[in-house]
Amino acid sequence: MQVDDEPWRTATLAPWSNPDTWRQWRIDWVAPKGTHNLSVRATDGAGVVQVVQNASPVPDGATGYHSASIRVIP
């Protein structure tokens, strides 16, 4: 996961059940007050990191990071 423009952080992954399912993940982050952009990317079993460019899932699978803007309030 990436918070704003900080370096990428490595997430802790849930146990793997089979190659055709997504895995839950978690990351510890003390969220400071304000608006933040969170981005996530995947890494496959061979260690290849997902590319940032968005592409349709047809014919070779979707690509692109998922991002969301959040606001932390006290």
Protein backbone atom coordinates (compact mmCIF):
# COMPACT_ATOMS: atom_id res chain seq x y z
CA MET A 1 0.00 0.00 0.00
CA GLN A 2 1.11 3.54 -0.65
CA VAL A 3 -0.05 6.49 1.44
CA ASP A 4 0.10 9.79 -0.45
CA ASP A 5 3.54 9.90 -2.10
CA GLU A 6 5.36 7.92 0.59
CA PRO A 7 7.33 4.76 -0.30
CA TRP A 8 5.33 1.57 -0.83
CA ARG A 9 4.67 -0.49 2.32
CA THR A 10 4.54 -4.28 2.43
CA ALA A 11 1.24 -5.70 3.66
CA THR A 12 0.69 -8.76 5.82
CA LEU A 13 -1.26 -11.33 3.81
CA ALA A 14 -3.93 -13.70 5.10
CA PRO A 15 -3.39 -17.44 4.54
CA TRP A 16 -3.56 -18.56 0.92
CA SER A 17 -6.42 -20.90 0.07
CA ASN A 18 -6.01 -21.49 -3.70
CA PRO A 19 -4.64 -19.72 -6.80
CA ASP A 20 -8.06 -18.53 -7.98
CA THR A 21 -8.98 -16.37 -5.00
CA TRP A 22 -8.04 -12.95 -3.70
CA ARG A 23 -6.19 -12.73 -0.40
CA GLN A 24 -7.10 -10.42 2.42
CA TRP A 25 -4.32 -8.18 3.63
CA ARG A 26 -3.62 -5.67 6.38
CA ILE A 27 -1.17 -2.94 7.16
CA ASP A 28 -0.53 -0.97 10.35
CA TRP A 29 -0.83 2.77 9.79
CA VAL A 30 -1.31 5.58 12.29
CA ALA A 31 -3.51 7.87 10.21
CA PRO A 32 -2.80 11.56 10.74
CA LYS A 33 -5.68 14.03 10.51
CA GLY A 34 -6.36 15.27 6.98
CA THR A 35 -7.01 13.99 3.46
CA HIS A 36 -4.89 11.12 2.14
CA ASN A 37 -4.67 9.14 -1.08
CA LEU A 38 -4.28 5.37 -0.60
CA SER A 39 -3.14 3.13 -3.47
CA VAL A 40 -2.70 -0.62 -3.65
CA ARG A 41 -1.02 -2.92 -6.15
CA ALA A 42 -0.64 -6.67 -6.44
CA THR A 43 2.42 -8.89 -6.78
CA ASP A 44 2.07 -12.28 -8.43
CA GLY A 45 3.59 -15.57 -7.31
CA ALA A 46 6.73 -14.88 -9.36
CA GLY A 47 7.26 -11.49 -7.68
CA VAL A 48 6.11 -9.43 -10.67
CA VAL A 49 4.48 -6.18 -9.52
CA GLN A 50 1.22 -4.97 -11.09
CA VAL A 51 1.68 -2.08 -13.53
CA VAL A 52 0.11 1.34 -12.92
CA GLN A 53 -1.54 1.66 -16.38
CA ASN A 54 -5.23 0.72 -16.44
CA ALA A 55 -6.23 -1.98 -18.92
CA SER A 56 -9.38 -3.98 -19.52
CA PRO A 57 -9.55 -7.52 -18.14
CA VAL A 58 -9.99 -8.84 -21.69
CA PRO A 59 -7.90 -10.52 -23.05
CA ASP A 60 -5.01 -10.66 -20.55
CA GLY A 61 -6.46 -9.54 -17.22
CA ALA A 62 -7.00 -6.13 -15.68
CA THR A 63 -4.10 -3.91 -14.70
CA GLY A 64 -3.75 -0.65 -12.84
CA TYR A 65 -3.59 0.36 -9.21
CA HIS A 66 -6.71 0.79 -7.11
CA SER A 67 -6.73 4.17 -5.34
CA ALA A 68 -9.06 5.92 -2.93
CA SER A 69 -9.04 9.28 -1.25
CA ILE A 70 -9.91 9.29 2.45
CA ARG A 71 -10.35 11.99 5.07
CA VAL A 72 -9.27 11.33 8.66
CA ILE A 73 -11.10 13.38 11.28
CA PRO A 74 -10.41 13.47 15.01
